Amino acid sequence: MKTEREVRNWSLSELSERSGVSKAMISKIERGEASPTATVLGRLSGAFGLKLSTLFALAEQTGERLARHAD
């Protein structure tokens, strides 16, 4: 997700505004400190204009994980 945000040159604030997800939550997800709910993932993928499956595929390609760091 961070990679997609950076490719678009979006700040945390911009993604937050587009998705309705707080900057704090986005930051925690990107750092692997929180696991996003399905609702949050849906909002984020919608902000990017991507299907949820595409967001997962992009995360796998870049080595990003959509899970907690401890997991």
C-alpha atoms as a PDB file:
ATOM      1  CA  MET A   1       0.000   0.000   0.000  1.00  0.00           C
ATOM      2  CA  LYS A   2       2.803   2.398   0.808  1.00  0.00           C
ATOM      3  CA  THR A   3       4.388   1.702  -2.559  1.00  0.00           C
ATOM      4  CA  GLU A   4       1.128   2.452  -4.382  1.00  0.00           C
ATOM      5  CA  ARG A   5       0.713   5.665  -2.382  1.00  0.00           C
ATOM      6  CA  GLU A   6       4.265   6.753  -3.182  1.00  0.00           C
ATOM      7  CA  VAL A   7       3.937   5.898  -6.906  1.00  0.00           C
ATOM      8  CA  ARG A   8       1.005   8.303  -7.003  1.00  0.00           C
ATOM      9  CA  ASN A   9       2.946  10.894  -4.988  1.00  0.00           C
ATOM     10  CA  TRP A  10       0.179  10.956  -2.400  1.00  0.00           C
ATOM     11  CA  SER A  11       0.875  12.015   1.154  1.00  0.00           C
ATOM     12  CA  LEU A  12      -0.705  10.208   4.085  1.00  0.00           C
ATOM     13  CA  SER A  13      -3.079  13.154   4.315  1.00  0.00           C
ATOM     14  CA  GLU A  14      -4.197  12.808   0.714  1.00  0.00           C
ATOM     15  CA  LEU A  15      -4.837   9.069   1.017  1.00  0.00           C
ATOM     16  CA  SER A  16      -6.676   9.708   4.265  1.00  0.00           C
ATOM     17  CA  GLU A  17      -8.924  12.299   2.636  1.00  0.00           C
ATOM     18  CA  ARG A  18      -9.624  10.108  -0.389  1.00  0.00           C
ATOM     19  CA  SER A  19     -10.327   6.970   1.646  1.00  0.00           C
ATOM     20  CA  GLY A  20     -11.878   8.236   4.859  1.00  0.00           C
ATOM     21  CA  VAL A  21      -9.278   6.269   6.850  1.00  0.00           C
ATOM     22  CA  SER A  22      -7.310   8.204   9.456  1.00  0.00           C
ATOM     23  CA  LYS A  23      -3.676   9.099   8.809  1.00  0.00           C
ATOM     24  CA  ALA A  24      -2.745   7.354  12.051  1.00  0.00           C
ATOM     25  CA  MET A  25      -4.338   4.085  10.919  1.00  0.00           C
ATOM     26  CA  ILE A  26      -2.755   4.251   7.467  1.00  0.00           C
ATOM     27  CA  SER A  27       0.629   4.879   9.056  1.00  0.00           C
ATOM     28  CA  LYS A  28       0.207   1.944  11.453  1.00  0.00           C
ATOM     29  CA  ILE A  29      -0.796  -0.350   8.579  1.00  0.00           C
ATOM     30  CA  GLU A  30       2.192   0.730   6.493  1.00  0.00           C
ATOM     31  CA  ARG A  31       4.544   0.106   9.433  1.00  0.00           C
ATOM     32  CA  GLY A  32       3.001  -3.296  10.123  1.00  0.00           C
ATOM     33  CA  GLU A  33       1.755  -2.226  13.544  1.00  0.00           C
ATOM     34  CA  ALA A  34      -1.947  -2.784  12.796  1.00  0.00           C
ATOM     35  CA  SER A  35      -4.000  -5.163  10.707  1.00  0.00           C
ATOM     36  CA  PRO A  36      -6.600  -3.469   8.557  1.00  0.00           C
ATOM     37  CA  THR A  37     -10.179  -4.681   8.655  1.00  0.00           C
ATOM     38  CA  ALA A  38     -11.937  -5.666   5.446  1.00  0.00           C
ATOM     39  CA  THR A  39     -13.798  -2.353   5.576  1.00  0.00           C
ATOM     40  CA  VAL A  40     -10.567  -0.365   5.816  1.00  0.00           C
ATOM     41  CA  LEU A  41      -8.994  -2.354   2.984  1.00  0.00           C
ATOM     42  CA  GLY A  42     -12.092  -1.702   0.896  1.00  0.00           C
ATOM     43  CA  ARG A  43     -11.857   2.026   1.524  1.00  0.00           C
ATOM     44  CA  LEU A  44      -8.152   2.112   0.688  1.00  0.00           C
ATOM     45  CA  SER A  45      -8.515   0.088  -2.501  1.00  0.00           C
ATOM     46  CA  GLY A  46     -11.442   2.300  -3.500  1.00  0.00           C
ATOM     47  CA  ALA A  47      -9.330   5.416  -2.978  1.00  0.00           C
ATOM     48  CA  PHE A  48      -6.730   3.969  -5.336  1.00  0.00           C
ATOM     49  CA  GLY A  49      -9.423   2.939  -7.812  1.00  0.00           C
ATOM     50  CA  LEU A  50      -8.294  -0.679  -7.530  1.00  0.00           C
ATOM     51  CA  LYS A  51     -10.093  -3.930  -6.856  1.00  0.00           C
ATOM     52  CA  LEU A  52      -9.209  -5.392  -3.478  1.00  0.00           C
ATOM     53  CA  SER A  53      -7.651  -8.406  -5.209  1.00  0.00           C
ATOM     54  CA  THR A  54      -5.411  -6.049  -7.198  1.00  0.00           C
ATOM     55  CA  LEU A  55      -4.287  -4.314  -4.009  1.00  0.00           C
ATOM     56  CA  PHE A  56      -3.333  -7.712  -2.544  1.00  0.00           C
ATOM     57  CA  ALA A  57      -1.496  -8.684  -5.727  1.00  0.00           C
ATOM     58  CA  LEU A  58       0.474  -5.435  -5.705  1.00  0.00           C
ATOM     59  CA  ALA A  59       1.382  -5.970  -2.055  1.00  0.00           C
ATOM     60  CA  GLU A  60       2.674  -9.457  -2.866  1.00  0.00           C
ATOM     61  CA  GLN A  61       4.731  -8.191  -5.812  1.00  0.00           C
ATOM     62  CA  THR A  62       6.437  -5.500  -3.753  1.00  0.00           C
ATOM     63  CA  GLY A  63       7.003  -7.722  -0.748  1.00  0.00           C
ATOM     64  CA  GLU A  64       4.669  -5.666   1.434  1.00  0.00           C
ATOM     65  CA  ARG A  65       2.565  -7.576   3.892  1.00  0.00           C
ATOM     66  CA  LEU A  66      -0.928  -6.692   4.923  1.00  0.00           C
ATOM     67  CA  ALA A  67      -0.505  -8.223   8.380  1.00  0.00           C
ATOM     68  CA  ARG A  68       0.852  -7.251  11.747  1.00  0.00           C
ATOM     69  CA  HIS A  69       4.609  -7.114  12.070  1.00  0.00           C
ATOM     70  CA  ALA A  70       4.512  -9.581  14.993  1.00  0.00           C
ATOM     71  CA  ASP A  71       2.652 -12.119  12.828  1.00  0.00           C
END
